[in-house]
Amino acid sequence: TENDAVVTEHEPPHRAALKGLSSSVPFDVTLTFERVEGGTRVDVDSIFHLAGWMRLIGPLFIGAYERGWDRGLANLKRMMEAGEL
C-alpha cells in the first residue's frame, strides 16, 4: 500500500519518524535501526489516531498495515542485496 507521509525526524543511522497525512487514518511511525551481525534490525512502532467508524474496523486495518511493513522491508532488503538500489 501507499501512504502520504512527511518525515518528522531523521537521525541517521539510528532513527527516523513519519507522520501520516491521511485524514481517515492518521498515524505516527518511528523506525529504529540497530546494527546486528550480518545486517540491520529495524523496529517499527506505529501509533494510529483512529476516530469515528474507523475505530470499529481499525484492528483489521492495523494488522494488514503491520504485515505491509514486514513485506516492504523484506523487499527493500532483497532489492539492496541484488544491487537494484
PDB file of N, CA and C in Angstrom:
ATOM      1  N   THR A   1       0.840  -1.184   0.000  1.00  0.00           N
ATOM      2  CA  THR A   1       0.000   0.000   0.000  1.00  0.00           C
ATOM      3  C   THR A   1       0.879   1.238   0.000  1.00  0.00           C
ATOM      4  N   GLU A   2       0.290   2.331  -0.377  1.00  0.00           N
ATOM      5  CA  GLU A   2       0.990   3.605  -0.357  1.00  0.00           C
ATOM      6  C   GLU A   2       0.281   4.541   0.599  1.00  0.00           C
ATOM      7  N   ASN A   3       1.073   5.350   1.291  1.00  0.00           N
ATOM      8  CA  ASN A   3       0.539   6.336   2.217  1.00  0.00           C
ATOM      9  C   ASN A   3       1.299   7.637   2.022  1.00  0.00           C
ATOM     10  N   ASP A   4       0.591   8.741   2.073  1.00  0.00           N
ATOM     11  CA  ASP A   4       1.263  10.038   2.058  1.00  0.00           C
ATOM     12  C   ASP A   4       1.706  10.338   3.482  1.00  0.00           C
ATOM     13  N   ALA A   5       2.980  10.711   3.619  1.00  0.00           N
ATOM     14  CA  ALA A   5       3.525  10.985   4.944  1.00  0.00           C
ATOM     15  C   ALA A   5       4.640  12.009   4.817  1.00  0.00           C
ATOM     16  N   VAL A   6       4.947  12.632   5.934  1.00  0.00           N
ATOM     17  CA  VAL A   6       6.078  13.555   5.998  1.00  0.00           C
ATOM     18  C   VAL A   6       7.056  13.020   7.043  1.00  0.00           C
ATOM     19  N   VAL A   7       8.319  13.265   6.800  1.00  0.00           N
ATOM     20  CA  VAL A   7       9.356  12.880   7.753  1.00  0.00           C
ATOM     21  C   VAL A   7       9.372  13.914   8.873  1.00  0.00           C
ATOM     22  N   THR A   8       9.272  13.441  10.108  1.00  0.00           N
ATOM     23  CA  THR A   8       9.283  14.354  11.250  1.00  0.00           C
ATOM     24  C   THR A   8      10.578  14.255  12.051  1.00  0.00           C
ATOM     25  N   GLU A   9      11.310  13.174  11.866  1.00  0.00           N
ATOM     26  CA  GLU A   9      12.623  13.006  12.491  1.00  0.00           C
ATOM     27  C   GLU A   9      13.520  12.273  11.514  1.00  0.00           C
ATOM     28  N   HIS A  10      14.786  12.637  11.510  1.00  0.00           N
ATOM     29  CA  HIS A  10      15.758  11.944  10.665  1.00  0.00           C
ATOM     30  C   HIS A  10      17.103  12.007  11.372  1.00  0.00           C
ATOM     31  N   GLU A  11      17.470  10.910  12.017  1.00  0.00           N
ATOM     32  CA  GLU A  11      18.704  10.830  12.775  1.00  0.00           C
ATOM     33  C   GLU A  11      19.525   9.643  12.276  1.00  0.00           C
ATOM     34  N   PRO A  12      20.118   9.765  11.073  1.00  0.00           N
ATOM     35  CA  PRO A  12      20.876   8.636  10.530  1.00  0.00           C
ATOM     36  C   PRO A  12      22.065   8.301  11.426  1.00  0.00           C
ATOM     37  N   PRO A  13      22.404   7.076  11.567  1.00  0.00           N
ATOM     38  CA  PRO A  13      21.751   5.870  11.034  1.00  0.00           C
ATOM     39  C   PRO A  13      20.858   5.183  12.062  1.00  0.00           C
ATOM     40  N   HIS A  14      20.365   5.918  13.045  1.00  0.00           N
ATOM     41  CA  HIS A  14      19.678   5.276  14.162  1.00  0.00           C
ATOM     42  C   HIS A  14      18.152   5.358  14.163  1.00  0.00           C
ATOM     43  N   ARG A  15      17.589   6.428  13.624  1.00  0.00           N
ATOM     44  CA  ARG A  15      16.150   6.642  13.839  1.00  0.00           C
ATOM     45  C   ARG A  15      15.561   7.521  12.739  1.00  0.00           C
ATOM     46  N   ALA A  16      14.289   7.241  12.436  1.00  0.00           N
ATOM     47  CA  ALA A  16      13.508   8.092  11.543  1.00  0.00           C
ATOM     48  C   ALA A  16      12.060   8.020  12.013  1.00  0.00           C
ATOM     49  N   ALA A  17      11.312   9.077  11.761  1.00  0.00           N
ATOM     50  CA  ALA A  17       9.895   9.082  12.130  1.00  0.00           C
ATOM     51  C   ALA A  17       9.091   9.730  11.013  1.00  0.00           C
ATOM     52  N   LEU A  18       7.858   9.256  10.857  1.00  0.00           N
ATOM     53  CA  LEU A  18       6.947   9.734   9.818  1.00  0.00           C
ATOM     54  C   LEU A  18       5.605  10.075  10.444  1.00  0.00           C
ATOM     55  N   LYS A  19       4.923  11.022   9.824  1.00  0.00           N
ATOM     56  CA  LYS A  19       3.550  11.369  10.222  1.00  0.00           C
ATOM     57  C   LYS A  19       2.678  11.174   8.986  1.00  0.00           C
ATOM     58  N   GLY A  20       1.675  10.300   9.110  1.00  0.00           N
ATOM     59  CA  GLY A  20       0.760  10.033   8.005  1.00  0.00           C
ATOM     60  C   GLY A  20      -0.195  11.186   7.798  1.00  0.00           C
ATOM     61  N   LEU A  21      -0.466  11.505   6.540  1.00  0.00           N
ATOM     62  CA  LEU A  21      -1.296  12.657   6.207  1.00  0.00           C
ATOM     63  C   LEU A  21      -2.747  12.301   5.890  1.00  0.00           C
ATOM     64  N   SER A  22      -3.085  11.030   5.940  1.00  0.00           N
ATOM     65  CA  SER A  22      -4.447  10.616   5.640  1.00  0.00           C
ATOM     66  C   SER A  22      -5.414  11.167   6.685  1.00  0.00           C
ATOM     67  N   SER A  23      -6.502  11.755   6.231  1.00  0.00           N
ATOM     68  CA  SER A  23      -7.480  12.280   7.183  1.00  0.00           C
ATOM     69  C   SER A  23      -8.306  11.157   7.819  1.00  0.00           C
ATOM     70  N   SER A  24      -8.440  10.023   7.122  1.00  0.00           N
ATOM     71  CA  SER A  24      -9.240   8.934   7.676  1.00  0.00           C
ATOM     72  C   SER A  24      -8.448   8.048   8.639  1.00  0.00           C
ATOM     73  N   VAL A  25      -7.154   7.921   8.417  1.00  0.00           N
ATOM     74  CA  VAL A  25      -6.320   7.082   9.283  1.00  0.00           C
ATOM     75  C   VAL A  25      -4.975   7.772   9.522  1.00  0.00           C
ATOM     76  N   PRO A  26      -4.960   8.831  10.297  1.00  0.00           N
ATOM     77  CA  PRO A  26      -3.682   9.472  10.591  1.00  0.00           C
ATOM     78  C   PRO A  26      -2.832   8.565  11.489  1.00  0.00           C
ATOM     79  N   PHE A  27      -1.534   8.638  11.306  1.00  0.00           N
ATOM     80  CA  PHE A  27      -0.648   7.781  12.081  1.00  0.00           C
ATOM     81  C   PHE A  27       0.699   8.451  12.297  1.00  0.00           C
ATOM     82  N   ASP A  28       1.408   7.931  13.277  1.00  0.00           N
ATOM     83  CA  ASP A  28       2.801   8.290  13.527  1.00  0.00           C
ATOM     84  C   ASP A  28       3.583   6.986  13.556  1.00  0.00           C
ATOM     85  N   VAL A  29       4.713   6.951  12.864  1.00  0.00           N
ATOM     86  CA  VAL A  29       5.552   5.764  12.817  1.00  0.00           C
ATOM     87  C   VAL A  29       6.974   6.161  13.160  1.00  0.00           C
ATOM     88  N   THR A  30       7.597   5.371  14.019  1.00  0.00           N
ATOM     89  CA  THR A  30       9.002   5.562  14.337  1.00  0.00           C
ATOM     90  C   THR A  30       9.758   4.311  13.912  1.00  0.00           C
ATOM     91  N   LEU A  31      10.834   4.504  13.171  1.00  0.00           N
ATOM     92  CA  LEU A  31      11.705   3.412  12.739  1.00  0.00           C
ATOM     93  C   LEU A  31      13.013   3.544  13.504  1.00  0.00           C
ATOM     94  N   THR A  32      13.407   2.471  14.168  1.00  0.00           N
ATOM     95  CA  THR A  32      14.671   2.449  14.892  1.00  0.00           C
ATOM     96  C   THR A  32      15.560   1.394  14.241  1.00  0.00           C
ATOM     97  N   PHE A  33      16.772   1.787  13.899  1.00  0.00           N
ATOM     98  CA  PHE A  33      17.706   0.906  13.201  1.00  0.00           C
ATOM     99  C   PHE A  33      18.827   0.506  14.150  1.00  0.00           C
ATOM    100  N   GLU A  34      19.105  -0.789  14.200  1.00  0.00           N
ATOM    101  CA  GLU A  34      20.172  -1.284  15.060  1.00  0.00           C
ATOM    102  C   GLU A  34      21.045  -2.247  14.274  1.00  0.00           C
ATOM    103  N   ARG A  35      22.333  -1.982  14.277  1.00  0.00           N
ATOM    104  CA  ARG A  35      23.267  -2.872  13.598  1.00  0.00           C
ATOM    105  C   ARG A  35      23.335  -4.194  14.358  1.00  0.00           C
ATOM    106  N   VAL A  36      23.171  -5.289  13.641  1.00  0.00           N
ATOM    107  CA  VAL A  36      23.304  -6.634  14.192  1.00  0.00           C
ATOM    108  C   VAL A  36      24.239  -7.414  13.276  1.00  0.00           C
ATOM    109  N   GLU A  37      24.730  -8.514  13.780  1.00  0.00           N
ATOM    110  CA  GLU A  37      25.636  -9.317  12.965  1.00  0.00           C
ATOM    111  C   GLU A  37      24.963  -9.707  11.653  1.00  0.00           C
ATOM    112  N   GLY A  38      25.582  -9.365  10.560  1.00  0.00           N
ATOM    113  CA  GLY A  38      25.058  -9.715   9.250  1.00  0.00           C
ATOM    114  C   GLY A  38      24.031  -8.753   8.686  1.00  0.00           C
ATOM    115  N   GLY A  39      23.758  -7.634   9.359  1.00  0.00           N
ATOM    116  CA  GLY A  39      22.777  -6.716   8.799  1.00  0.00           C
ATOM    117  C   GLY A  39      22.290  -5.670   9.779  1.00  0.00           C
ATOM    118  N   THR A  40      21.048  -5.274   9.593  1.00  0.00           N
ATOM    119  CA  THR A  40      20.422  -4.244  10.411  1.00  0.00           C
ATOM    120  C   THR A  40      19.048  -4.722  10.844  1.00  0.00           C
ATOM    121  N   ARG A  41      18.746  -4.531  12.109  1.00  0.00           N
ATOM    122  CA  ARG A  41      17.399  -4.815  12.593  1.00  0.00           C
ATOM    123  C   ARG A  41      16.614  -3.512  12.565  1.00  0.00           C
ATOM    124  N   VAL A  42      15.398  -3.587  12.073  1.00  0.00           N
ATOM    125  CA  VAL A  42      14.517  -2.421  12.008  1.00  0.00           C
ATOM    126  C   VAL A  42      13.320  -2.693  12.904  1.00  0.00           C
ATOM    127  N   ASP A  43      13.128  -1.853  13.910  1.00  0.00           N
ATOM    128  CA  ASP A  43      11.944  -1.919  14.752  1.00  0.00           C
ATOM    129  C   ASP A  43      10.989  -0.820  14.305  1.00  0.00           C
ATOM    130  N   VAL A  44       9.739  -1.184  14.090  1.00  0.00           N
ATOM    131  CA  VAL A  44       8.712  -0.245  13.642  1.00  0.00           C
ATOM    132  C   VAL A  44       7.679  -0.087  14.747  1.00  0.00           C
ATOM    133  N   ASP A  45       7.488   1.143  15.184  1.00  0.00           N
ATOM    134  CA  ASP A  45       6.486   1.448  16.205  1.00  0.00           C
ATOM    135  C   ASP A  45       5.443   2.361  15.574  1.00  0.00           C
ATOM    136  N   SER A  46       4.213   1.864  15.467  1.00  0.00           N
ATOM    137  CA  SER A  46       3.134   2.605  14.814  1.00  0.00           C
ATOM    138  C   SER A  46       2.078   3.008  15.833  1.00  0.00           C
ATOM    139  N   ILE A  47       1.620   4.242  15.723  1.00  0.00           N
ATOM    140  CA  ILE A  47       0.512   4.735  16.536  1.00  0.00           C
ATOM    141  C   ILE A  47      -0.539   5.277  15.570  1.00  0.00           C
ATOM    142  N   PHE A  48      -1.737   4.746  15.668  1.00  0.00           N
ATOM    143  CA  PHE A  48      -2.839   5.177  14.815  1.00  0.00           C
ATOM    144  C   PHE A  48      -3.785   6.042  15.626  1.00  0.00           C
ATOM    145  N   HIS A  49      -4.253   7.101  15.018  1.00  0.00           N
ATOM    146  CA  HIS A  49      -5.175   8.026  15.668  1.00  0.00           C
ATOM    147  C   HIS A  49      -6.549   7.849  15.008  1.00  0.00           C
ATOM    148  N   LEU A  50      -7.223   6.773  15.387  1.00  0.00           N
ATOM    149  CA  LEU A  50      -8.493   6.422  14.755  1.00  0.00           C
ATOM    150  C   LEU A  50      -9.651   7.129  15.450  1.00  0.00           C
ATOM    151  N   ALA A  51     -10.602   7.550  14.652  1.00  0.00           N
ATOM    152  CA  ALA A  51     -11.793   8.222  15.166  1.00  0.00           C
ATOM    153  C   ALA A  51     -13.016   7.716  14.413  1.00  0.00           C
ATOM    154  N   GLY A  52     -14.161   7.910  15.008  1.00  0.00           N
ATOM    155  CA  GLY A  52     -15.419   7.562  14.344  1.00  0.00           C
ATOM    156  C   GLY A  52     -15.494   6.096  13.972  1.00  0.00           C
ATOM    157  N   TRP A  53     -16.023   5.821  12.790  1.00  0.00           N
ATOM    158  CA  TRP A  53     -16.233   4.447  12.342  1.00  0.00           C
ATOM    159  C   TRP A  53     -14.927   3.689  12.156  1.00  0.00           C
ATOM    160  N   MET A  54     -13.801   4.389  11.980  1.00  0.00           N
ATOM    161  CA  MET A  54     -12.518   3.715  11.814  1.00  0.00           C
ATOM    162  C   MET A  54     -12.117   2.962  13.085  1.00  0.00           C
ATOM    163  N   ARG A  55     -12.629   3.386  14.235  1.00  0.00           N
ATOM    164  CA  ARG A  55     -12.335   2.655  15.468  1.00  0.00           C
ATOM    165  C   ARG A  55     -12.895   1.242  15.413  1.00  0.00           C
ATOM    166  N   LEU A  56     -14.002   1.056  14.683  1.00  0.00           N
ATOM    167  CA  LEU A  56     -14.628  -0.259  14.583  1.00  0.00           C
ATOM    168  C   LEU A  56     -13.822  -1.215  13.719  1.00  0.00           C
ATOM    169  N   ILE A  57     -13.301  -0.727  12.598  1.00  0.00           N
ATOM    170  CA  ILE A  57     -12.555  -1.598  11.691  1.00  0.00           C
ATOM    171  C   ILE A  57     -11.046  -1.442  11.846  1.00  0.00           C
ATOM    172  N   GLY A  58     -10.619  -0.589  12.726  1.00  0.00           N
ATOM    173  CA  GLY A  58      -9.196  -0.318  12.927  1.00  0.00           C
ATOM    174  C   GLY A  58      -8.338  -1.550  13.151  1.00  0.00           C
ATOM    175  N   PRO A  59      -8.749  -2.486  14.026  1.00  0.00           N
ATOM    176  CA  PRO A  59      -7.902  -3.661  14.252  1.00  0.00           C
ATOM    177  C   PRO A  59      -7.615  -4.454  12.978  1.00  0.00           C
ATOM    178  N   LEU A  60      -8.574  -4.558  12.077  1.00  0.00           N
ATOM    179  CA  LEU A  60      -8.333  -5.252  10.800  1.00  0.00           C
ATOM    180  C   LEU A  60      -7.326  -4.491   9.951  1.00  0.00           C
ATOM    181  N   PHE A  61      -7.480  -3.201   9.901  1.00  0.00           N
ATOM    182  CA  PHE A  61      -6.589  -2.349   9.112  1.00  0.00           C
ATOM    183  C   PHE A  61      -5.169  -2.385   9.674  1.00  0.00           C
ATOM    184  N   ILE A  62      -5.051  -2.295  10.980  1.00  0.00           N
ATOM    185  CA  ILE A  62      -3.737  -2.219  11.610  1.00  0.00           C
ATOM    186  C   ILE A  62      -2.943  -3.499  11.367  1.00  0.00           C
ATOM    187  N   GLY A  63      -3.586  -4.648  11.474  1.00  0.00           N
ATOM    188  CA  GLY A  63      -2.890  -5.910  11.208  1.00  0.00           C
ATOM    189  C   GLY A  63      -2.339  -5.962   9.795  1.00  0.00           C
ATOM    190  N   ALA A  64      -3.137  -5.575   8.817  1.00  0.00           N
ATOM    191  CA  ALA A  64      -2.686  -5.569   7.426  1.00  0.00           C
ATOM    192  C   ALA A  64      -1.565  -4.552   7.227  1.00  0.00           C
ATOM    193  N   TYR A  65      -1.679  -3.398   7.866  1.00  0.00           N
ATOM    194  CA  TYR A  65      -0.656  -2.362   7.759  1.00  0.00           C
ATOM    195  C   TYR A  65       0.683  -2.862   8.293  1.00  0.00           C
ATOM    196  N   GLU A  66       0.657  -3.513   9.449  1.00  0.00           N
ATOM    197  CA  GLU A  66       1.898  -4.014  10.033  1.00  0.00           C
ATOM    198  C   GLU A  66       2.520  -5.110   9.182  1.00  0.00           C
ATOM    199  N   ARG A  67       1.712  -5.985   8.602  1.00  0.00           N
ATOM    200  CA  ARG A  67       2.247  -7.007   7.695  1.00  0.00           C
ATOM    201  C   ARG A  67       2.847  -6.350   6.459  1.00  0.00           C
ATOM    202  N   GLY A  68       2.296  -5.221   6.049  1.00  0.00           N
ATOM    203  CA  GLY A  68       2.851  -4.481   4.909  1.00  0.00           C
ATOM    204  C   GLY A  68       4.260  -3.985   5.188  1.00  0.00           C
ATOM    205  N   TRP A  69       4.528  -3.540   6.423  1.00  0.00           N
ATOM    206  CA  TRP A  69       5.893  -3.138   6.793  1.00  0.00           C
ATOM    207  C   TRP A  69       6.839  -4.312   6.641  1.00  0.00           C
ATOM    208  N   ASP A  70       6.429  -5.488   7.129  1.00  0.00           N
ATOM    209  CA  ASP A  70       7.284  -6.676   7.032  1.00  0.00           C
ATOM    210  C   ASP A  70       7.611  -6.992   5.575  1.00  0.00           C
ATOM    211  N   ARG A  71       6.589  -6.988   4.720  1.00  0.00           N
ATOM    212  CA  ARG A  71       6.809  -7.277   3.298  1.00  0.00           C
ATOM    213  C   ARG A  71       7.664  -6.202   2.639  1.00  0.00           C
ATOM    214  N   GLY A  72       7.381  -4.950   2.955  1.00  0.00           N
ATOM    215  CA  GLY A  72       8.130  -3.851   2.352  1.00  0.00           C
ATOM    216  C   GLY A  72       9.600  -3.867   2.742  1.00  0.00           C
ATOM    217  N   LEU A  73       9.890  -4.124   4.003  1.00  0.00           N
ATOM    218  CA  LEU A  73      11.292  -4.185   4.437  1.00  0.00           C
ATOM    219  C   LEU A  73      12.003  -5.394   3.840  1.00  0.00           C
ATOM    220  N   ALA A  74      11.314  -6.529   3.735  1.00  0.00           N
ATOM    221  CA  ALA A  74      11.918  -7.704   3.097  1.00  0.00           C
ATOM    222  C   ALA A  74      12.208  -7.424   1.620  1.00  0.00           C
ATOM    223  N   ASN A  75      11.299  -6.725   0.943  1.00  0.00           N
ATOM    224  CA  ASN A  75      11.507  -6.371  -0.456  1.00  0.00           C
ATOM    225  C   ASN A  75      12.667  -5.382  -0.598  1.00  0.00           C
ATOM    226  N   LEU A  76      12.756  -4.417   0.291  1.00  0.00           N
ATOM    227  CA  LEU A  76      13.860  -3.464   0.272  1.00  0.00           C
ATOM    228  C   LEU A  76      15.188  -4.184   0.450  1.00  0.00           C
ATOM    229  N   LYS A  77      15.251  -5.122   1.386  1.00  0.00           N
ATOM    230  CA  LYS A  77      16.472  -5.901   1.619  1.00  0.00           C
ATOM    231  C   LYS A  77      16.855  -6.657   0.350  1.00  0.00           C
ATOM    232  N   ARG A  78      15.878  -7.322  -0.266  1.00  0.00           N
ATOM    233  CA  ARG A  78      16.144  -8.080  -1.492  1.00  0.00           C
ATOM    234  C   ARG A  78      16.689  -7.178  -2.582  1.00  0.00           C
ATOM    235  N   MET A  79      16.067  -6.002  -2.764  1.00  0.00           N
ATOM    236  CA  MET A  79      16.491  -5.072  -3.814  1.00  0.00           C
ATOM    237  C   MET A  79      17.907  -4.536  -3.552  1.00  0.00           C
ATOM    238  N   MET A  80      18.202  -4.257  -2.287  1.00  0.00           N
ATOM    239  CA  MET A  80      19.535  -3.745  -1.949  1.00  0.00           C
ATOM    240  C   MET A  80      20.596  -4.830  -2.176  1.00  0.00           C
ATOM    241  N   GLU A  81      20.308  -6.051  -1.774  1.00  0.00           N
ATOM    242  CA  GLU A  81      21.265  -7.135  -1.960  1.00  0.00           C
ATOM    243  C   GLU A  81      21.462  -7.486  -3.412  1.00  0.00           C
ATOM    244  N   ALA A  82      20.436  -7.265  -4.240  1.00  0.00           N
ATOM    245  CA  ALA A  82      20.538  -7.525  -5.672  1.00  0.00           C
ATOM    246  C   ALA A  82      21.179  -6.379  -6.441  1.00  0.00           C
ATOM    247  N   GLY A  83      21.457  -5.274  -5.737  1.00  0.00           N
ATOM    248  CA  GLY A  83      22.056  -4.116  -6.392  1.00  0.00           C
ATOM    249  C   GLY A  83      21.072  -3.298  -7.202  1.00  0.00           C
ATOM    250  N   GLU A  84      19.777  -3.466  -6.939  1.00  0.00           N
ATOM    251  CA  GLU A  84      18.763  -2.711  -7.669  1.00  0.00           C
ATOM    252  C   GLU A  84      18.606  -1.292  -7.158  1.00  0.00           C
ATOM    253  N   LEU A  85      19.151  -1.016  -5.973  1.00  0.00           N
ATOM    254  CA  LEU A  85      19.071   0.332  -5.393  1.00  0.00           C
ATOM    255  C   LEU A  85      20.458   0.897  -5.197  1.00  0.00           C
TER     256      LEU A  85
END
